[in-house]
Protein backbone atom coordinates (compact mmCIF):
# COMPACT_ATOMS: atom_id res chain seq x y z
CA MET A 1 0.93 -0.72 29.19
CA THR A 2 -0.31 -2.43 26.18
CA ARG A 3 -2.12 0.29 23.91
CA VAL A 4 -5.06 -0.59 21.99
CA TYR A 5 -5.74 1.11 18.78
CA LEU A 6 -9.56 1.97 18.21
CA ASP A 7 -9.34 4.72 15.55
CA HIS A 8 -9.20 2.96 12.31
CA ASN A 9 -11.38 5.40 10.47
CA ALA A 10 -8.61 7.95 10.89
CA THR A 11 -6.08 5.63 9.48
CA THR A 12 -5.06 2.02 9.52
CA MET A 13 -2.01 -0.24 10.08
CA LEU A 14 -0.10 -0.89 7.14
CA ARG A 15 -0.78 -4.34 5.88
CA PRO A 16 2.08 -6.88 5.48
CA GLU A 17 1.13 -7.22 1.88
CA ALA A 18 1.32 -3.58 1.25
CA ARG A 19 4.65 -3.32 2.84
CA ALA A 20 6.11 -6.27 0.80
CA ALA A 21 4.93 -4.63 -2.33
CA MET A 22 6.44 -1.31 -1.46
CA ILE A 23 9.77 -2.70 -0.58
CA ALA A 24 9.88 -4.53 -3.68
CA ALA A 25 8.86 -1.25 -5.74
CA MET A 26 11.99 0.54 -3.98
CA ASP A 27 14.12 -1.63 -6.06
CA VAL A 28 12.63 -0.57 -9.43
CA CYS A 29 14.43 2.72 -10.33
CA GLY A 30 12.55 3.55 -13.61
CA ASN A 31 10.27 6.32 -14.27
CA PRO A 32 6.76 5.07 -15.45
CA SER A 33 6.94 7.44 -18.46
CA SER A 34 10.22 6.23 -19.72
CA VAL A 35 10.16 4.03 -22.62
CA HIS A 36 13.16 1.86 -21.73
CA GLY A 37 13.21 -1.40 -19.90
CA GLU A 38 13.48 0.20 -16.54
CA GLY A 39 10.66 2.66 -17.24
CA ARG A 40 8.50 -0.22 -18.39
CA ALA A 41 9.09 -2.16 -15.20
CA ALA A 42 8.04 0.84 -13.08
CA LYS A 43 4.90 1.37 -15.50
CA ALA A 44 4.05 -2.35 -14.88
CA LEU A 45 3.90 -1.78 -11.17
CA VAL A 46 1.55 1.11 -11.50
CA GLU A 47 -0.73 -0.82 -13.99
CA ARG A 48 -0.77 -3.97 -11.78
CA ALA A 49 -1.84 -1.78 -8.86
CA ARG A 50 -4.63 -0.11 -11.11
CA ALA A 51 -5.92 -3.41 -11.99
CA GLN A 52 -5.84 -4.55 -8.24
CA VAL A 53 -7.69 -1.53 -7.18
CA SER A 54 -10.17 -1.74 -10.01
CA SER A 55 -10.95 -5.37 -9.08
CA ALA A 56 -11.32 -4.71 -5.34
CA PHE A 57 -13.56 -1.76 -5.90
CA GLY A 58 -15.63 -3.53 -8.65
CA ALA A 59 -14.77 -0.84 -11.29
CA ASP A 60 -14.05 -3.00 -14.33
CA GLY A 61 -14.06 -0.80 -17.37
CA ALA A 62 -13.86 2.39 -15.20
CA ASP A 63 -10.87 4.79 -15.22
CA ILE A 64 -8.61 4.74 -12.19
CA VAL A 65 -6.66 7.99 -11.81
CA PHE A 66 -4.15 7.85 -8.93
CA THR A 67 -3.74 10.87 -6.69
CA SER A 68 -2.04 11.83 -3.42
CA GLY A 69 -5.16 10.94 -1.47
CA SER A 70 -8.79 11.70 -1.28
CA THR A 71 -8.15 15.39 -0.49
CA GLU A 72 -6.51 15.86 -3.83
CA GLY A 73 -8.98 13.54 -5.23
CA ALA A 74 -11.81 16.02 -4.14
CA LEU A 75 -10.16 18.79 -6.03
CA LEU A 76 -9.89 16.59 -9.20
CA ALA A 77 -13.39 15.15 -8.98
CA CYS A 78 -15.10 18.22 -7.75
CA GLY A 79 -13.16 21.23 -8.66
CA ASP A 80 -14.80 21.85 -12.12
CA GLN A 81 -18.44 21.60 -10.85
CA LYS A 82 -20.77 23.61 -8.74
CA LEU A 83 -22.12 20.85 -6.35
CA HIS A 84 -24.98 20.39 -3.78
CA GLY A 85 -24.15 18.51 -0.74
CA SER A 86 -24.43 18.58 3.16
CA ALA A 87 -22.59 19.33 6.38
CA LEU A 88 -21.96 15.54 6.55
CA GLU A 89 -19.31 15.68 4.00
CA HIS A 90 -15.71 15.51 4.85
CA ASP A 91 -14.16 18.84 4.64
CA ALA A 92 -12.28 18.10 1.43
CA VAL A 93 -15.38 17.65 -0.47
CA ARG A 94 -17.44 20.36 1.51
CA SER A 95 -14.89 22.84 0.17
CA TRP A 96 -16.69 22.36 -3.28
CA ILE A 97 -20.30 22.43 -2.08
CA SER A 98 -22.22 25.55 -2.99
CA GLU A 99 -25.77 24.63 -1.53
CA ASP A 100 -26.47 22.64 1.79
CA LEU A 101 -28.91 19.78 1.53
CA PRO A 102 -31.26 18.79 4.46
CA VAL A 103 -30.12 15.99 6.79
CA SER A 104 -32.55 13.89 8.81
CA HIS A 105 -31.96 13.04 12.56
CA ASN A 106 -30.98 9.54 11.35
CA GLY A 107 -28.19 10.99 8.92
CA ALA A 108 -30.05 10.58 5.73
CA VAL A 109 -29.43 13.26 3.17
CA THR A 110 -32.32 14.40 0.74
CA VAL A 111 -31.10 14.48 -2.80
CA GLU A 112 -33.07 16.14 -5.54
CA GLN A 113 -30.50 16.63 -8.38
CA PRO A 114 -28.14 13.60 -8.14
CA ASN A 115 -26.04 14.91 -11.35
CA ARG A 116 -25.27 18.02 -9.30
CA THR A 117 -24.70 16.49 -5.90
CA ALA A 118 -21.76 15.14 -3.98
CA LEU A 119 -22.97 12.44 -1.46
CA GLN A 120 -20.57 10.26 0.74
CA LEU A 121 -21.21 6.53 0.90
CA ALA A 122 -20.38 6.30 4.59
CA ASN A 123 -19.74 9.04 7.28
CA SER A 124 -16.53 8.85 9.10
CA GLU A 125 -17.80 9.97 12.34
CA THR A 126 -21.00 8.22 12.84
CA GLY A 127 -20.57 5.25 10.09
CA ILE A 128 -23.88 5.79 8.86
CA LEU A 129 -24.62 4.77 5.28
CA GLN A 130 -26.25 6.74 2.58
CA ILE A 131 -28.31 5.17 -0.27
CA LEU A 132 -26.84 6.65 -3.35
CA PRO A 133 -29.29 7.71 -6.17
CA GLN A 134 -28.29 6.61 -9.75
CA GLY A 135 -26.51 9.33 -11.79
CA LEU A 136 -24.78 10.86 -8.56
CA ALA A 137 -22.07 13.35 -9.64
CA VAL A 138 -19.53 12.59 -6.81
CA SER A 139 -19.29 10.12 -3.95
CA ASP A 140 -16.52 9.96 -1.25
CA ALA A 141 -16.33 6.22 -0.75
CA THR A 142 -13.10 6.49 1.31
CA GLN A 143 -14.56 5.03 4.52
CA ALA A 144 -16.64 2.40 2.86
CA PHE A 145 -14.05 0.77 0.57
CA GLY A 146 -12.57 -2.37 1.97
CA LYS A 147 -15.24 -2.49 4.66
CA LEU A 148 -18.37 -3.20 2.59
CA PRO A 149 -19.05 -5.50 -0.36
CA ILE A 150 -19.58 -2.65 -2.80
CA ALA A 151 -18.88 -2.40 -6.51
CA PHE A 152 -18.46 1.15 -8.34
CA ASN A 153 -20.15 -0.33 -11.38
CA TRP A 154 -23.43 -0.88 -9.53
CA LEU A 155 -23.31 2.30 -7.28
CA GLY A 156 -24.36 4.48 -10.41
CA VAL A 157 -21.74 7.07 -9.50
CA THR A 158 -19.96 9.13 -12.05
CA ARG A 159 -16.94 9.94 -9.90
CA ALA A 160 -15.78 8.37 -6.65
CA LEU A 161 -12.97 9.07 -4.22
CA ILE A 162 -10.90 6.42 -2.45
CA SER A 163 -7.93 6.35 -0.28
CA ALA A 164 -5.11 3.69 0.51
CA HIS A 165 -4.43 4.34 4.15
CA LYS A 166 -8.03 3.63 5.04
CA LEU A 167 -7.81 -0.05 4.12
CA GLY A 168 -4.08 -0.96 5.10
CA GLY A 169 -2.25 0.81 2.54
CA PRO A 170 0.26 3.71 2.65
CA LYS A 171 -0.64 7.34 3.57
CA GLY A 172 -0.44 9.72 0.71
CA THR A 173 -1.87 7.55 -1.97
CA GLY A 174 -5.43 7.56 -3.34
CA ALA A 175 -7.44 7.42 -6.44
CA VAL A 176 -10.37 9.07 -8.39
CA VAL A 177 -12.66 6.40 -10.03
CA LEU A 178 -14.40 7.59 -13.16
CA LYS A 179 -17.23 6.17 -15.15
CA ARG A 180 -15.84 5.56 -18.46
CA GLY A 181 -16.19 8.43 -20.77
CA THR A 182 -16.49 11.07 -17.98
CA GLU A 183 -14.87 14.31 -18.75
CA LEU A 184 -12.46 15.52 -16.08
CA ALA A 185 -10.78 19.09 -15.92
CA THR A 186 -7.06 18.54 -14.98
CA GLN A 187 -6.20 20.42 -11.85
CA ILE A 188 -2.45 19.50 -11.55
CA LYS A 189 -1.03 20.20 -15.07
CA GLY A 190 2.49 18.68 -16.09
CA GLY A 191 3.67 15.88 -18.20
CA GLY A 192 0.32 14.19 -19.00
CA GLN A 193 0.63 11.33 -16.62
CA GLU A 194 -2.36 9.33 -15.63
CA MET A 195 -4.09 9.53 -18.99
CA GLY A 196 -3.48 13.40 -19.09
CA ARG A 197 -5.70 13.78 -15.95
CA ARG A 198 -3.10 14.30 -13.18
CA GLY A 199 0.38 15.58 -14.00
CA GLY A 200 3.49 14.64 -12.10
CA THR A 201 5.55 11.46 -11.85
CA GLU A 202 3.59 8.66 -10.23
CA ASN A 203 4.21 7.57 -6.73
CA VAL A 204 5.13 3.94 -7.82
CA ILE A 205 6.07 2.85 -4.21
CA GLY A 206 2.75 4.21 -2.79
CA ILE A 207 0.58 3.02 -5.69
CA ALA A 208 2.06 -0.48 -5.38
CA GLY A 209 1.14 -0.67 -1.63
CA PHE A 210 -2.24 0.68 -2.57
CA GLY A 211 -2.88 -2.06 -5.04
CA ALA A 212 -1.63 -4.73 -2.64
CA ALA A 213 -3.60 -3.52 0.22
CA SER A 214 -6.97 -3.47 -2.16
CA GLU A 215 -6.54 -6.98 -2.98
CA ALA A 216 -5.77 -8.04 0.69
CA ALA A 217 -8.87 -6.07 1.79
CA ALA A 218 -11.01 -7.88 -0.83
CA ARG A 219 -9.83 -11.02 0.54
CA ASP A 220 -10.81 -10.01 4.14
CA LEU A 221 -14.35 -9.33 2.95
CA ALA A 222 -14.67 -12.59 1.27
CA ASP A 223 -13.40 -14.19 4.26
CA GLY A 224 -15.98 -12.61 6.63
CA VAL A 225 -13.42 -10.50 8.52
CA TRP A 226 -15.69 -7.59 8.72
CA GLU A 227 -18.64 -9.56 9.88
CA ARG A 228 -16.36 -10.53 12.99
CA VAL A 229 -15.30 -6.88 13.39
CA GLU A 230 -19.17 -6.13 13.40
CA ALA A 231 -20.04 -8.52 15.96
CA LEU A 232 -17.34 -6.99 18.33
CA ARG A 233 -18.67 -3.39 17.58
CA ASN A 234 -22.24 -4.75 18.72
CA MET A 235 -20.69 -6.39 21.69
CA LEU A 236 -18.93 -3.18 22.64
CA GLU A 237 -22.15 -0.99 22.08
CA GLN A 238 -24.21 -3.43 24.31
CA ALA A 239 -21.86 -3.29 27.14
CA LEU A 240 -21.77 0.51 27.00
CA VAL A 241 -25.49 0.74 26.58
CA ALA A 242 -25.96 -1.67 29.73
CA GLY A 243 -23.67 0.47 31.82
CA THR A 244 -24.69 3.98 31.20
CA GLN A 245 -28.00 5.82 31.34
CA ASN A 246 -27.68 9.22 29.78
CA THR A 247 -25.29 8.40 26.82
CA ILE A 248 -26.82 8.96 23.42
CA PHE A 249 -25.71 6.31 20.81
CA VAL A 250 -25.85 7.80 17.33
CA GLY A 251 -27.11 5.71 14.30
CA GLN A 252 -28.25 2.66 16.20
CA SER A 253 -31.37 2.17 14.15
CA VAL A 254 -29.82 2.59 10.57
CA PRO A 255 -27.27 0.99 8.59
CA ARG A 256 -23.77 1.72 9.57
CA LEU A 257 -20.12 0.68 8.78
CA PRO A 258 -19.34 -2.71 10.65
CA ASN A 259 -16.67 -1.19 12.74
CA THR A 260 -17.90 2.27 13.74
CA LEU A 261 -19.48 3.45 17.14
CA CYS A 262 -20.45 7.25 17.76
CA PHE A 263 -21.73 8.01 21.15
CA ALA A 264 -22.24 11.32 23.28
CA THR A 265 -22.53 12.01 26.98
CA PRO A 266 -23.91 15.38 26.97
CA GLY A 267 -21.53 17.80 29.10
CA TRP A 268 -18.65 15.37 29.04
CA LYS A 269 -16.38 17.05 26.27
CA GLY A 270 -15.33 14.64 23.53
CA GLU A 271 -11.76 15.94 23.55
CA THR A 272 -11.50 15.37 27.34
CA GLN A 273 -12.56 11.83 26.88
CA VAL A 274 -10.13 11.20 24.15
CA MET A 275 -7.30 12.59 26.39
CA GLN A 276 -8.52 10.45 29.39
CA MET A 277 -8.69 7.29 27.34
CA ASP A 278 -5.33 7.77 25.72
CA LEU A 279 -3.72 7.97 29.08
CA ALA A 280 -5.58 4.87 29.94
CA GLY A 281 -4.04 3.28 26.66
CA TYR A 282 -6.81 3.59 24.18
CA ALA A 283 -6.60 5.47 20.98
CA ILE A 284 -10.04 7.00 19.89
CA SER A 285 -11.29 9.98 18.15
CA ALA A 286 -13.49 12.93 18.64
CA GLY A 287 -14.89 13.32 15.28
CA SER A 288 -12.89 13.48 12.12
CA ALA A 289 -9.06 13.22 12.69
CA CYS A 290 -8.61 16.22 10.30
CA SER A 291 -10.67 18.40 12.59
CA SER A 292 -8.99 17.30 15.83
CA GLY A 293 -7.81 20.14 18.08
CA LYS A 294 -11.00 22.31 17.10
CA VAL A 295 -12.97 22.98 20.15
CA ARG A 296 -16.22 23.50 18.26
CA GLY A 297 -18.56 20.50 18.27
CA SER A 298 -19.10 17.96 15.49
CA ALA A 299 -20.63 19.61 12.37
CA VAL A 300 -22.04 16.29 11.55
CA LEU A 301 -24.11 15.95 14.67
CA THR A 302 -25.15 19.40 14.55
CA ALA A 303 -26.46 18.80 10.88
CA MET A 304 -28.41 15.87 12.31
CA GLY A 305 -30.33 17.96 14.74
CA TYR A 306 -28.26 17.41 17.92
CA ASP A 307 -27.62 20.44 20.29
CA GLU A 308 -24.37 21.84 20.56
CA ILE A 309 -23.57 20.52 24.07
CA THR A 310 -24.24 16.97 22.69
CA ALA A 311 -22.15 17.64 19.42
CA GLN A 312 -19.25 18.72 21.69
CA SER A 313 -19.43 15.43 23.74
CA ALA A 314 -19.33 12.95 20.98
CA ILE A 315 -16.57 10.39 20.46
CA ARG A 316 -15.93 7.77 17.91
CA VAL A 317 -14.63 4.29 18.32
CA SER A 318 -13.63 2.60 15.10
CA LEU A 319 -12.51 -1.08 15.23
CA GLY A 320 -10.33 -2.96 12.86
CA PRO A 321 -9.43 -6.51 11.83
CA GLU A 322 -6.78 -6.57 14.53
CA THR A 323 -9.29 -5.78 17.41
CA SER A 324 -9.88 -8.52 19.83
CA GLU A 325 -12.85 -9.38 22.13
CA SER A 326 -10.49 -8.52 25.07
CA ASP A 327 -9.83 -5.15 23.47
CA VAL A 328 -13.52 -4.18 23.41
CA LEU A 329 -14.54 -5.47 26.77
CA ARG A 330 -11.52 -3.81 28.59
CA PHE A 331 -12.38 -0.53 26.57
CA ALA A 332 -15.88 -0.75 27.85
CA ASP A 333 -14.91 -1.28 31.53
CA THR A 334 -12.44 1.49 31.35
CA TRP A 335 -14.61 3.88 29.81
CA LEU A 336 -17.67 3.05 32.05
CA ALA A 337 -15.51 3.84 35.17
CA LYS A 338 -14.39 7.08 33.85
CA GLU A 339 -18.03 7.88 32.93
CA LYS A 340 -19.01 7.03 36.53
CA THR A 341 -16.34 9.40 37.87
CA TYR A 342 -17.54 12.11 35.53
CA ARG A 343 -21.08 11.71 36.90
CA ALA A 344 -20.01 11.77 40.45
CA ARG A 345 -17.97 15.18 39.79
CA VAL A 346 -21.00 16.80 38.13
CA ALA A 347 -23.62 15.56 40.51
């Protein structure tokens, strides 16, 4: 059975460019903090990656602080502030939120104090995009980076979170992007690496892969790869809408990530659908991968006003550059057949 991977919002396949950069970095033995030739060679790899990430994210003039991923990035970006936010945020950011903001049925968050607010750019479960107010304190741009033509310098954000493995880089590497001049309380103290903002020897191999993946992702955007992905997402959505009557499609009327489709058939639990589709050869998700295994319904859908039964029935299909027309059409046929079986069983 040929498997089809449709869970790109959880993680992506490693890009060949990232793999090549990481393999090359493995042969560089120096510590980036050392002043000898070997250390300077390692430091050069880190700085090259910093420039690649900065260029791809439109962050010229900003500070790029490499971390172990967006979860550590949230600690670094949010840990010294009391922030407002909503239930839509990833748990890594939500841990730092002291006051919940209202969310509309279409997933829009009402922000009154941007300089004290964390607001994601794109939701990982629904794909719904937010309009970021100028002066926003923190934005989790993890899902949007590499999929949308965005630039940190015109987002008007003070601190942003990004992660390598969401755009074809390695797991365990990310960054906090800071508006130049932003004060940041160091959370991991040590030898003063990353401009004194994050102690610990840099993950040179992972950082090299992050830089190469960022550069390749920027080329994909320029080449229209994500426009093709969006067309496939729309094709899949249309096939499912035509074949089912009671399924709810989330975010259809508002801007979304080009690859993301979230839908719920009330009463047919999302975790059951994930297992059934997995056995049929398709990798999909019920909510955020970090929350998989939890029986409770999607906190995101609950915050948007959906009832608990619907929230427990939601699944997410997220496409990638490798996804083909055949993949989405076969998925639609398979899912609709299983949905028909479910309907017959509960009738």
